PDB file of N, CA and C in Angstrom:
ATOM      1  N   UNK A   1       1.237 -10.354 -36.499  1.00  0.00           N
ATOM      2  CA  UNK A   1       2.147 -10.955 -35.651  1.00  0.00           C
ATOM      3  C   UNK A   1       1.570 -12.039 -34.604  1.00  0.00           C
ATOM      4  N   UNK A   2       2.019 -13.165 -34.476  1.00  0.00           N
ATOM      5  CA  UNK A   2       1.437 -14.171 -33.766  1.00  0.00           C
ATOM      6  C   UNK A   2       1.682 -13.840 -32.306  1.00  0.00           C
ATOM      7  N   UNK A   3       0.895 -14.625 -31.437  1.00  0.00           N
ATOM      8  CA  UNK A   3       1.052 -14.412 -29.948  1.00  0.00           C
ATOM      9  C   UNK A   3       2.450 -14.640 -29.359  1.00  0.00           C
ATOM     10  N   UNK A   4       3.077 -15.850 -29.897  1.00  0.00           N
ATOM     11  CA  UNK A   4       4.345 -16.174 -29.474  1.00  0.00           C
ATOM     12  C   UNK A   4       5.305 -15.149 -29.732  1.00  0.00           C
ATOM     13  N   UNK A   5       5.300 -14.475 -31.023  1.00  0.00           N
ATOM     14  CA  UNK A   5       6.288 -13.427 -31.359  1.00  0.00           C
ATOM     15  C   UNK A   5       5.975 -12.234 -30.512  1.00  0.00           C
ATOM     16  N   UNK A   6       4.632 -11.926 -30.252  1.00  0.00           N
ATOM     17  CA  UNK A   6       4.380 -10.676 -29.368  1.00  0.00           C
ATOM     18  C   UNK A   6       4.967 -10.886 -28.027  1.00  0.00           C
ATOM     19  N   UNK A   7       4.638 -12.053 -27.347  1.00  0.00           N
ATOM     20  CA  UNK A   7       5.201 -12.354 -26.147  1.00  0.00           C
ATOM     21  C   UNK A   7       6.592 -12.249 -26.005  1.00  0.00           C
ATOM     22  N   UNK A   8       7.254 -12.901 -27.090  1.00  0.00           N
ATOM     23  CA  UNK A   8       8.830 -12.883 -27.111  1.00  0.00           C
ATOM     24  C   UNK A   8       9.387 -11.466 -27.256  1.00  0.00           C
ATOM     25  N   UNK A   9       8.771 -10.654 -27.815  1.00  0.00           N
ATOM     26  CA  UNK A   9       9.054  -8.955 -27.916  1.00  0.00           C
ATOM     27  C   UNK A   9       8.892  -8.448 -26.559  1.00  0.00           C
ATOM     28  N   UNK A  10       7.676  -8.785 -25.994  1.00  0.00           N
ATOM     29  CA  UNK A  10       7.542  -8.231 -24.751  1.00  0.00           C
ATOM     30  C   UNK A  10       8.556  -8.563 -23.530  1.00  0.00           C
ATOM     31  N   UNK A  11       8.714  -9.845 -23.613  1.00  0.00           N
ATOM     32  CA  UNK A  11       9.793 -10.517 -22.618  1.00  0.00           C
ATOM     33  C   UNK A  11      11.255  -9.836 -22.982  1.00  0.00           C
ATOM     34  N   UNK A  12      11.531  -9.793 -24.176  1.00  0.00           N
ATOM     35  CA  UNK A  12      12.912  -9.011 -24.346  1.00  0.00           C
ATOM     36  C   UNK A  12      12.910  -7.818 -24.003  1.00  0.00           C
ATOM     37  N   UNK A  13      11.801  -6.922 -24.106  1.00  0.00           N
ATOM     38  CA  UNK A  13      11.873  -5.435 -23.700  1.00  0.00           C
ATOM     39  C   UNK A  13      11.710  -5.556 -22.101  1.00  0.00           C
ATOM     40  N   UNK A  14      10.931  -6.411 -21.433  1.00  0.00           N
ATOM     41  CA  UNK A  14      10.918  -6.454 -20.000  1.00  0.00           C
ATOM     42  C   UNK A  14      12.245  -6.626 -19.514  1.00  0.00           C
ATOM     43  N   UNK A  15      12.937  -7.558 -20.026  1.00  0.00           N
ATOM     44  CA  UNK A  15      14.461  -7.736 -19.639  1.00  0.00           C
ATOM     45  C   UNK A  15      15.235  -6.555 -19.877  1.00  0.00           C
ATOM     46  N   UNK A  16      15.131  -6.061 -21.001  1.00  0.00           N
ATOM     47  CA  UNK A  16      16.134  -4.935 -21.248  1.00  0.00           C
ATOM     48  C   UNK A  16      15.661  -3.810 -20.242  1.00  0.00           C
ATOM     49  N   UNK A  17      14.588  -3.511 -19.929  1.00  0.00           N
ATOM     50  CA  UNK A  17      14.088  -2.332 -19.241  1.00  0.00           C
ATOM     51  C   UNK A  17      14.035  -2.483 -17.750  1.00  0.00           C
ATOM     52  N   UNK A  18      13.338  -3.638 -17.309  1.00  0.00           N
ATOM     53  CA  UNK A  18      13.357  -3.750 -15.927  1.00  0.00           C
ATOM     54  C   UNK A  18      14.158  -4.619 -15.145  1.00  0.00           C
ATOM     55  N   UNK A  19      14.212  -6.005 -15.743  1.00  0.00           N
ATOM     56  CA  UNK A  19      14.925  -6.875 -15.066  1.00  0.00           C
ATOM     57  C   UNK A  19      16.281  -6.509 -14.987  1.00  0.00           C
ATOM     58  N   UNK A  20      16.954  -6.104 -16.151  1.00  0.00           N
ATOM     59  CA  UNK A  20      18.476  -5.670 -15.846  1.00  0.00           C
ATOM     60  C   UNK A  20      18.580  -4.531 -14.932  1.00  0.00           C
ATOM     61  N   UNK A  21      17.534  -3.732 -14.831  1.00  0.00           N
ATOM     62  CA  UNK A  21      17.806  -2.709 -13.728  1.00  0.00           C
ATOM     63  C   UNK A  21      17.675  -3.312 -12.386  1.00  0.00           C
ATOM     64  N   UNK A  22      16.946  -4.413 -12.138  1.00  0.00           N
ATOM     65  CA  UNK A  22      16.825  -4.959 -10.834  1.00  0.00           C
ATOM     66  C   UNK A  22      17.764  -5.956 -10.567  1.00  0.00           C
ATOM     67  N   UNK A  23      18.883  -6.075 -11.447  1.00  0.00           N
ATOM     68  CA  UNK A  23      19.869  -7.105 -11.359  1.00  0.00           C
ATOM     69  C   UNK A  23      21.097  -6.774 -10.076  1.00  0.00           C
ATOM     70  N   UNK A  24      21.022  -5.617  -9.703  1.00  0.00           N
ATOM     71  CA  UNK A  24      21.880  -5.295  -8.604  1.00  0.00           C
ATOM     72  C   UNK A  24      21.069  -5.003  -7.280  1.00  0.00           C
ATOM     73  N   UNK A  25      21.165  -5.817  -6.152  1.00  0.00           N
ATOM     74  CA  UNK A  25      20.407  -5.802  -4.923  1.00  0.00           C
ATOM     75  C   UNK A  25      20.463  -4.390  -4.431  1.00  0.00           C
ATOM     76  N   UNK A  26      21.567  -3.616  -4.607  1.00  0.00           N
ATOM     77  CA  UNK A  26      21.334  -2.184  -4.093  1.00  0.00           C
ATOM     78  C   UNK A  26      20.420  -1.403  -4.775  1.00  0.00           C
ATOM     79  N   UNK A  27      20.146  -1.624  -6.028  1.00  0.00           N
ATOM     80  CA  UNK A  27      18.988  -0.819  -6.685  1.00  0.00           C
ATOM     81  C   UNK A  27      17.747  -1.214  -6.077  1.00  0.00           C
ATOM     82  N   UNK A  28      17.414  -2.484  -5.829  1.00  0.00           N
ATOM     83  CA  UNK A  28      16.141  -3.205  -5.309  1.00  0.00           C
ATOM     84  C   UNK A  28      16.072  -2.348  -3.824  1.00  0.00           C
ATOM     85  N   UNK A  29      17.302  -2.356  -3.105  1.00  0.00           N
ATOM     86  CA  UNK A  29      17.159  -1.423  -1.736  1.00  0.00           C
ATOM     87  C   UNK A  29      16.864  -0.010  -2.115  1.00  0.00           C
ATOM     88  N   UNK A  30      17.235   0.541  -2.963  1.00  0.00           N
ATOM     89  CA  UNK A  30      16.952   1.920  -3.262  1.00  0.00           C
ATOM     90  C   UNK A  30      15.321   2.076  -3.552  1.00  0.00           C
ATOM     91  N   UNK A  31      14.774   1.104  -4.403  1.00  0.00           N
ATOM     92  CA  UNK A  31      13.413   1.256  -4.725  1.00  0.00           C
ATOM     93  C   UNK A  31      12.643   0.988  -3.403  1.00  0.00           C
ATOM     94  N   UNK A  32      13.059   0.141  -2.611  1.00  0.00           N
ATOM     95  CA  UNK A  32      12.368   0.046  -1.367  1.00  0.00           C
ATOM     96  C   UNK A  32      12.288   1.222  -0.448  1.00  0.00           C
ATOM     97  N   UNK A  33      13.368   1.792  -0.439  1.00  0.00           N
ATOM     98  CA  UNK A  33      13.600   3.061   0.402  1.00  0.00           C
ATOM     99  C   UNK A  33      12.511   4.131  -0.313  1.00  0.00           C
ATOM    100  N   UNK A  34      12.755   4.264  -1.571  1.00  0.00           N
ATOM    101  CA  UNK A  34      11.940   5.293  -2.292  1.00  0.00           C
ATOM    102  C   UNK A  34      10.419   5.046  -2.097  1.00  0.00           C
ATOM    103  N   UNK A  35      10.107   3.711  -1.738  1.00  0.00           N
ATOM    104  CA  UNK A  35       8.613   3.449  -1.609  1.00  0.00           C
ATOM    105  C   UNK A  35       8.060   4.079  -0.413  1.00  0.00           C
ATOM    106  N   UNK A  36       8.894   4.516   0.438  1.00  0.00           N
ATOM    107  CA  UNK A  36       8.613   5.063   1.836  1.00  0.00           C
ATOM    108  C   UNK A  36       8.354   6.693   1.525  1.00  0.00           C
ATOM    109  N   UNK A  37       9.190   7.256   0.825  1.00  0.00           N
ATOM    110  CA  UNK A  37       8.988   8.545   0.554  1.00  0.00           C
ATOM    111  C   UNK A  37      10.124   9.207  -0.338  1.00  0.00           C
ATOM    112  N   UNK A  38      10.068  10.336  -0.933  1.00  0.00           N
ATOM    113  CA  UNK A  38      11.368  10.796  -1.716  1.00  0.00           C
ATOM    114  C   UNK A  38      12.419  11.198  -1.052  1.00  0.00           C
ATOM    115  N   UNK A  39      13.615  10.956  -1.643  1.00  0.00           N
ATOM    116  CA  UNK A  39      14.879  11.176  -1.015  1.00  0.00           C
ATOM    117  C   UNK A  39      15.915  11.915  -1.887  1.00  0.00           C
ATOM    118  N   UNK A  40      16.801  12.436  -1.291  1.00  0.00           N
ATOM    119  CA  UNK A  40      17.955  13.044  -2.215  1.00  0.00           C
ATOM    120  C   UNK A  40      19.093  11.942  -2.243  1.00  0.00           C
ATOM    121  N   UNK A  41      19.957  12.196  -3.275  1.00  0.00           N
ATOM    122  CA  UNK A  41      20.963  11.129  -3.224  1.00  0.00           C
ATOM    123  C   UNK A  41      21.871  10.954  -1.900  1.00  0.00           C
ATOM    124  N   UNK A  42      22.077  12.107  -1.169  1.00  0.00           N
ATOM    125  CA  UNK A  42      22.795  12.039   0.156  1.00  0.00           C
ATOM    126  C   UNK A  42      22.069  11.221   0.964  1.00  0.00           C
ATOM    127  N   UNK A  43      20.845  11.450   1.105  1.00  0.00           N
ATOM    128  CA  UNK A  43      19.866  10.759   2.216  1.00  0.00           C
ATOM    129  C   UNK A  43      19.740   9.328   1.872  1.00  0.00           C
ATOM    130  N   UNK A  44      19.693   9.041   0.606  1.00  0.00           N
ATOM    131  CA  UNK A  44      19.571   7.743  -0.032  1.00  0.00           C
ATOM    132  C   UNK A  44      20.780   6.886   0.460  1.00  0.00           C
ATOM    133  N   UNK A  45      21.996   7.500   0.115  1.00  0.00           N
ATOM    134  CA  UNK A  45      23.219   6.920   0.024  1.00  0.00           C
ATOM    135  C   UNK A  45      23.503   6.536   1.812  1.00  0.00           C
ATOM    136  N   UNK A  46      22.987   7.398   2.677  1.00  0.00           N
ATOM    137  CA  UNK A  46      23.118   7.205   4.150  1.00  0.00           C
ATOM    138  C   UNK A  46      22.171   6.026   4.403  1.00  0.00           C
ATOM    139  N   UNK A  47      20.955   6.244   3.991  1.00  0.00           N
ATOM    140  CA  UNK A  47      19.876   4.996   4.243  1.00  0.00           C
ATOM    141  C   UNK A  47      20.253   3.569   3.974  1.00  0.00           C
ATOM    142  N   UNK A  48      20.808   3.551   2.696  1.00  0.00           N
ATOM    143  CA  UNK A  48      21.215   2.241   2.162  1.00  0.00           C
ATOM    144  C   UNK A  48      22.552   1.772   2.674  1.00  0.00           C
ATOM    145  N   UNK A  49      23.582   2.698   3.080  1.00  0.00           N
ATOM    146  CA  UNK A  49      24.783   2.390   3.481  1.00  0.00           C
ATOM    147  C   UNK A  49      25.837   2.312   2.244  1.00  0.00           C
ATOM    148  N   UNK A  50      25.652   3.022   1.200  1.00  0.00           N
ATOM    149  CA  UNK A  50      26.700   2.830  -0.028  1.00  0.00           C
ATOM    150  C   UNK A  50      27.167   4.442  -0.328  1.00  0.00           C
ATOM    151  N   UNK A  51      28.033   4.547  -0.920  1.00  0.00           N
ATOM    152  CA  UNK A  51      28.751   5.739  -1.323  1.00  0.00           C
ATOM    153  C   UNK A  51      27.743   6.629  -2.277  1.00  0.00           C
ATOM    154  N   UNK A  52      28.029   7.942  -1.979  1.00  0.00           N
ATOM    155  CA  UNK A  52      27.200   8.930  -2.831  1.00  0.00           C
ATOM    156  C   UNK A  52      27.351   8.629  -4.394  1.00  0.00           C
ATOM    157  N   UNK A  53      28.471   8.514  -4.814  1.00  0.00           N
ATOM    158  CA  UNK A  53      28.897   8.280  -6.151  1.00  0.00           C
ATOM    159  C   UNK A  53      28.018   6.888  -6.596  1.00  0.00           C
ATOM    160  N   UNK A  54      28.192   5.910  -5.877  1.00  0.00           N
ATOM    161  CA  UNK A  54      27.598   4.662  -6.283  1.00  0.00           C
ATOM    162  C   UNK A  54      25.985   4.845  -6.436  1.00  0.00           C
ATOM    163  N   UNK A  55      25.508   5.605  -5.423  1.00  0.00           N
ATOM    164  CA  UNK A  55      24.069   5.796  -5.212  1.00  0.00           C
ATOM    165  C   UNK A  55      23.611   6.574  -6.633  1.00  0.00           C
ATOM    166  N   UNK A  56      24.439   7.567  -6.964  1.00  0.00           N
ATOM    167  CA  UNK A  56      24.083   8.617  -8.105  1.00  0.00           C
ATOM    168  C   UNK A  56      23.999   7.605  -9.310  1.00  0.00           C
ATOM    169  N   UNK A  57      24.990   6.701  -9.502  1.00  0.00           N
ATOM    170  CA  UNK A  57      25.011   5.771 -10.768  1.00  0.00           C
ATOM    171  C   UNK A  57      23.929   4.976 -10.696  1.00  0.00           C
ATOM    172  N   UNK A  58      23.359   4.419  -9.543  1.00  0.00           N
ATOM    173  CA  UNK A  58      22.334   3.483  -9.587  1.00  0.00           C
ATOM    174  C   UNK A  58      21.104   4.031  -9.796  1.00  0.00           C
ATOM    175  N   UNK A  59      20.998   5.480  -9.162  1.00  0.00           N
ATOM    176  CA  UNK A  59      19.618   6.187  -9.672  1.00  0.00           C
ATOM    177  C   UNK A  59      19.636   6.558 -11.099  1.00  0.00           C
ATOM    178  N   UNK A  60      20.791   6.914 -11.809  1.00  0.00           N
ATOM    179  CA  UNK A  60      20.895   7.264 -13.057  1.00  0.00           C
ATOM    180  C   UNK A  60      20.261   5.990 -13.947  1.00  0.00           C
ATOM    181  N   UNK A  61      20.829   4.859 -13.854  1.00  0.00           N
ATOM    182  CA  UNK A  61      20.102   3.881 -14.444  1.00  0.00           C
ATOM    183  C   UNK A  61      18.804   3.582 -14.153  1.00  0.00           C
ATOM    184  N   UNK A  62      18.285   3.793 -12.974  1.00  0.00           N
ATOM    185  CA  UNK A  62      16.870   3.440 -12.702  1.00  0.00           C
ATOM    186  C   UNK A  62      16.041   4.702 -13.114  1.00  0.00           C
ATOM    187  N   UNK A  63      16.512   5.812 -13.397  1.00  0.00           N
ATOM    188  CA  UNK A  63      16.119   6.885 -13.841  1.00  0.00           C
ATOM    189  C   UNK A  63      15.754   6.621 -15.558  1.00  0.00           C
ATOM    190  N   UNK A  64      16.769   6.333 -16.001  1.00  0.00           N
ATOM    191  CA  UNK A  64      16.769   6.062 -17.515  1.00  0.00           C
ATOM    192  C   UNK A  64      15.923   4.806 -18.031  1.00  0.00           C
ATOM    193  N   UNK A  65      15.584   4.071 -16.946  1.00  0.00           N
ATOM    194  CA  UNK A  65      14.645   2.890 -17.217  1.00  0.00           C
ATOM    195  C   UNK A  65      13.206   3.255 -16.762  1.00  0.00           C
ATOM    196  N   UNK A  66      13.087   4.478 -16.327  1.00  0.00           N
ATOM    197  CA  UNK A  66      11.794   4.961 -15.916  1.00  0.00           C
ATOM    198  C   UNK A  66      11.232   4.384 -14.609  1.00  0.00           C
ATOM    199  N   UNK A  67      12.065   3.881 -13.738  1.00  0.00           N
ATOM    200  CA  UNK A  67      11.520   3.261 -12.444  1.00  0.00           C
ATOM    201  C   UNK A  67      11.661   4.247 -11.534  1.00  0.00           C
ATOM    202  N   UNK A  68      12.399   5.462 -11.640  1.00  0.00           N
ATOM    203  CA  UNK A  68      12.251   6.491 -10.524  1.00  0.00           C
ATOM    204  C   UNK A  68      12.058   7.845 -11.271  1.00  0.00           C
ATOM    205  N   UNK A  69      11.636   8.716 -10.606  1.00  0.00           N
ATOM    206  CA  UNK A  69      11.409  10.036 -10.988  1.00  0.00           C
ATOM    207  C   UNK A  69      12.336  10.795 -10.216  1.00  0.00           C
ATOM    208  N   UNK A  70      12.988  12.052 -11.013  1.00  0.00           N
ATOM    209  CA  UNK A  70      13.908  13.138 -10.386  1.00  0.00           C
ATOM    210  C   UNK A  70      13.310  14.379 -10.420  1.00  0.00           C
ATOM    211  N   UNK A  71      13.320  15.176  -9.463  1.00  0.00           N
ATOM    212  CA  UNK A  71      12.581  16.622  -9.498  1.00  0.00           C
ATOM    213  C   UNK A  71      13.560  17.449  -8.645  1.00  0.00           C
ATOM    214  N   UNK A  72      13.943  18.527  -9.395  1.00  0.00           N
ATOM    215  CA  UNK A  72      14.774  19.358  -8.609  1.00  0.00           C
ATOM    216  C   UNK A  72      13.893  20.111  -7.559  1.00  0.00           C
ATOM    217  N   UNK A  73      14.684  20.255  -6.203  1.00  0.00           N
ATOM    218  CA  UNK A  73      13.984  20.994  -5.236  1.00  0.00           C
ATOM    219  C   UNK A  73      15.330  21.814  -4.737  1.00  0.00           C
ATOM    220  N   UNK A  74      15.204  23.279  -5.330  1.00  0.00           N
ATOM    221  CA  UNK A  74      16.279  24.044  -4.840  1.00  0.00           C
ATOM    222  C   UNK A  74      17.677  23.611  -5.304  1.00  0.00           C
ATOM    223  N   UNK A  75      18.437  23.352  -4.477  1.00  0.00           N
ATOM    224  CA  UNK A  75      19.995  22.932  -4.849  1.00  0.00           C
ATOM    225  C   UNK A  75      20.078  21.418  -4.921  1.00  0.00           C
ATOM    226  N   UNK A  76      18.896  20.666  -4.524  1.00  0.00           N
ATOM    227  CA  UNK A  76      18.828  19.303  -4.578  1.00  0.00           C
ATOM    228  C   UNK A  76      18.027  18.744  -5.517  1.00  0.00           C
ATOM    229  N   UNK A  77      18.213  17.431  -5.802  1.00  0.00           N
ATOM    230  CA  UNK A  77      17.344  16.654  -6.767  1.00  0.00           C
ATOM    231  C   UNK A  77      16.751  15.679  -5.767  1.00  0.00           C
ATOM    232  N   UNK A  78      15.365  15.592  -5.699  1.00  0.00           N
ATOM    233  CA  UNK A  78      14.729  14.442  -5.148  1.00  0.00           C
ATOM    234  C   UNK A  78      14.285  13.340  -5.974  1.00  0.00           C
ATOM    235  N   UNK A  79      14.432  12.262  -5.518  1.00  0.00           N
ATOM    236  CA  UNK A  79      13.994  11.053  -6.180  1.00  0.00           C
ATOM    237  C   UNK A  79      13.020  10.401  -5.609  1.00  0.00           C
ATOM    238  N   UNK A  80      11.797   9.983  -6.302  1.00  0.00           N
ATOM    239  CA  UNK A  80      10.748   9.301  -5.890  1.00  0.00           C
ATOM    240  C   UNK A  80      10.540   7.843  -6.704  1.00  0.00           C
ATOM    241  N   UNK A  81       9.729   7.072  -6.473  1.00  0.00           N
ATOM    242  CA  UNK A  81       9.468   5.939  -7.134  1.00  0.00           C
ATOM    243  C   UNK A  81       8.298   6.321  -8.175  1.00  0.00           C
ATOM    244  N   UNK A  82       8.740   5.787  -9.292  1.00  0.00           N
ATOM    245  CA  UNK A  82       7.577   6.087 -10.439  1.00  0.00           C
ATOM    246  C   UNK A  82       6.326   5.252 -10.345  1.00  0.00           C
ATOM    247  N   UNK A  83       6.313   4.116  -9.860  1.00  0.00           N
ATOM    248  CA  UNK A  83       5.187   3.159  -9.933  1.00  0.00           C
ATOM    249  C   UNK A  83       5.087   2.318  -8.613  1.00  0.00           C
ATOM    250  N   UNK A  84       4.233   2.433  -7.832  1.00  0.00           N
ATOM    251  CA  UNK A  84       4.188   1.696  -6.673  1.00  0.00           C
ATOM    252  C   UNK A  84       3.985   0.009  -6.909  1.00  0.00           C
ATOM    253  N   UNK A  85       3.532  -0.271  -8.118  1.00  0.00           N
ATOM    254  CA  UNK A  85       3.591  -1.465  -8.646  1.00  0.00           C
ATOM    255  C   UNK A  85       4.780  -2.226  -8.801  1.00  0.00           C
ATOM    256  N   UNK A  86       5.912  -1.489  -8.744  1.00  0.00           N
ATOM    257  CA  UNK A  86       7.249  -2.144  -8.738  1.00  0.00           C
ATOM    258  C   UNK A  86       7.503  -2.928  -7.298  1.00  0.00           C
ATOM    259  N   UNK A  87       6.940  -2.119  -6.177  1.00  0.00           N
ATOM    260  CA  UNK A  87       7.291  -2.849  -4.902  1.00  0.00           C
ATOM    261  C   UNK A  87       6.303  -4.034  -4.831  1.00  0.00           C
ATOM    262  N   UNK A  88       5.123  -3.954  -5.335  1.00  0.00           N
ATOM    263  CA  UNK A  88       4.052  -4.933  -5.252  1.00  0.00           C
ATOM    264  C   UNK A  88       4.793  -6.217  -6.026  1.00  0.00           C
ATOM    265  N   UNK A  89       5.370  -6.118  -7.167  1.00  0.00           N
ATOM    266  CA  UNK A  89       6.026  -7.131  -7.851  1.00  0.00           C
ATOM    267  C   UNK A  89       7.141  -7.558  -7.136  1.00  0.00           C
ATOM    268  N   UNK A  90       7.899  -6.772  -6.552  1.00  0.00           N
ATOM    269  CA  UNK A  90       9.205  -7.342  -5.876  1.00  0.00           C
ATOM    270  C   UNK A  90       8.560  -8.035  -4.536  1.00  0.00           C
ATOM    271  N   UNK A  91       7.617  -7.644  -3.907  1.00  0.00           N
ATOM    272  CA  UNK A  91       7.103  -8.490  -2.872  1.00  0.00           C
ATOM    273  C   UNK A  91       6.503  -9.675  -3.341  1.00  0.00           C
ATOM    274  N   UNK A  92       6.176  -9.860  -4.508  1.00  0.00           N
ATOM    275  CA  UNK A  92       5.567 -11.032  -4.937  1.00  0.00           C
ATOM    276  C   UNK A  92       6.686 -11.995  -5.367  1.00  0.00           C
ATOM    277  N   UNK A  93       7.658 -11.471  -5.864  1.00  0.00           N
ATOM    278  CA  UNK A  93       8.954 -12.130  -6.195  1.00  0.00           C
ATOM    279  C   UNK A  93       9.625 -12.696  -4.960  1.00  0.00           C
ATOM    280  N   UNK A  94       9.562 -12.043  -3.939  1.00  0.00           N
ATOM    281  CA  UNK A  94      10.263 -12.396  -2.635  1.00  0.00           C
ATOM    282  C   UNK A  94       9.344 -13.406  -2.021  1.00  0.00           C
ATOM    283  N   UNK A  95       8.152 -13.398  -1.996  1.00  0.00           N
ATOM    284  CA  UNK A  95       7.271 -14.621  -1.495  1.00  0.00           C
ATOM    285  C   UNK A  95       7.463 -15.816  -2.250  1.00  0.00           C
ATOM    286  N   UNK A  96       7.570 -15.701  -3.752  1.00  0.00           N
ATOM    287  CA  UNK A  96       7.984 -16.866  -4.322  1.00  0.00           C
ATOM    288  C   UNK A  96       9.219 -17.279  -4.014  1.00  0.00           C
ATOM    289  N   UNK A  97      10.135 -16.520  -3.752  1.00  0.00           N
ATOM    290  CA  UNK A  97      11.468 -17.019  -3.547  1.00  0.00           C
ATOM    291  C   UNK A  97      11.393 -17.828  -2.144  1.00  0.00           C
ATOM    292  N   UNK A  98      10.836 -17.275  -1.091  1.00  0.00           N
ATOM    293  CA  UNK A  98      10.756 -17.960   0.269  1.00  0.00           C
ATOM    294  C   UNK A  98       9.887 -19.100   0.190  1.00  0.00           C
ATOM    295  N   UNK A  99       8.887 -19.227  -0.513  1.00  0.00           N
ATOM    296  CA  UNK A  99       8.130 -20.409  -0.843  1.00  0.00           C
ATOM    297  C   UNK A  99       9.175 -21.530  -1.336  1.00  0.00           C
ATOM    298  N   UNK A 100      10.013 -21.059  -2.457  1.00  0.00           N
ATOM    299  CA  UNK A 100      10.868 -21.900  -3.028  1.00  0.00           C
ATOM    300  C   UNK A 100      11.865 -22.596  -2.041  1.00  0.00           C
ATOM    301  N   UNK A 101      12.331 -21.690  -1.368  1.00  0.00           N
ATOM    302  CA  UNK A 101      13.567 -22.059  -0.440  1.00  0.00           C
ATOM    303  C   UNK A 101      12.642 -22.957   0.640  1.00  0.00           C
ATOM    304  N   UNK A 102      11.685 -22.809   1.288  1.00  0.00           N
ATOM    305  CA  UNK A 102      10.918 -23.572   2.105  1.00  0.00           C
ATOM    306  C   UNK A 102      10.726 -24.827   1.542  1.00  0.00           C
ATOM    307  N   UNK A 103      10.392 -24.983   0.245  1.00  0.00           N
ATOM    308  CA  UNK A 103      10.034 -26.157  -0.466  1.00  0.00           C
ATOM    309  C   UNK A 103      11.378 -27.044  -0.389  1.00  0.00           C
ATOM    310  N   UNK A 104      12.517 -26.356  -0.792  1.00  0.00           N
ATOM    311  CA  UNK A 104      13.699 -27.002  -0.974  1.00  0.00           C
ATOM    312  C   UNK A 104      14.265 -27.623   0.372  1.00  0.00           C
ATOM    313  N   UNK A 105      14.118 -26.685   1.506  1.00  0.00           N
ATOM    314  CA  UNK A 105      14.404 -27.256   2.663  1.00  0.00           C
ATOM    315  C   UNK A 105      13.646 -28.481   3.082  1.00  0.00           C
ATOM    316  N   UNK A 106      12.315 -28.505   2.872  1.00  0.00           N
ATOM    317  CA  UNK A 106      11.374 -29.560   3.157  1.00  0.00           C
ATOM    318  C   UNK A 106      11.806 -30.901   2.450  1.00  0.00           C
ATOM    319  N   UNK A 107      12.233 -30.614   1.100  1.00  0.00           N
ATOM    320  CA  UNK A 107      12.956 -31.889   0.601  1.00  0.00           C
ATOM    321  C   UNK A 107      14.200 -32.468   0.860  1.00  0.00           C
ATOM    322  N   UNK A 108      15.019 -31.493   1.503  1.00  0.00           N
ATOM    323  CA  UNK A 108      16.206 -31.789   2.329  1.00  0.00           C
ATOM    324  C   UNK A 108      15.911 -32.605   3.339  1.00  0.00           C
ATOM    325  N   UNK A 109      15.056 -32.152   4.144  1.00  0.00           N
ATOM    326  CA  UNK A 109      14.364 -32.711   5.575  1.00  0.00           C
ATOM    327  C   UNK A 109      13.901 -34.171   5.273  1.00  0.00           C
ATOM    328  N   UNK A 110      13.172 -34.291   3.910  1.00  0.00           N
ATOM    329  CA  UNK A 110      12.509 -35.643   3.857  1.00  0.00           C
ATOM    330  C   UNK A 110      13.640 -36.729   3.569  1.00  0.00           C
ATOM    331  N   UNK A 111      14.597 -36.183   2.637  1.00  0.00           N
ATOM    332  CA  UNK A 111      15.695 -37.099   2.298  1.00  0.00           C
ATOM    333  C   UNK A 111      16.614 -37.643   3.524  1.00  0.00           C
ATOM    334  N   UNK A 112      16.722 -36.845   4.330  1.00  0.00           N
ATOM    335  CA  UNK A 112      17.450 -37.255   5.602  1.00  0.00           C
ATOM    336  C   UNK A 112      16.770 -38.169   6.744  1.00  0.00           C
ATOM    337  N   UNK A 113      15.326 -38.400   6.387  1.00  0.00           N
ATOM    338  CA  UNK A 113      14.665 -39.149   7.252  1.00  0.00           C
ATOM    339  C   UNK A 113      14.673 -40.710   7.061  1.00  0.00           C
TER     340      UNK A 113
END
């Protein structure tokens, strides 16, 4: 298998597993909350400000993609981040986005001079 084909397969898998899971901003907020400490569904719903059923649906998808872990604690299930590198990656993407916005703003500023 050549490098281009291997890269193509990896990118396809990345998109299927991770990028699509991050496509909803509420799921990203859930990941940031879970980076602080484990939460139950109800606590996460209150923290993020979305309904408990919506929180459960988002967590189910994140769990299926391997981005969060679920562990039963008595009557509750506690969710935790599966890999802290996710937050590092999200922070890098946010920095790239901020730089891009600043660059575009400077181009707009230059064109009005």
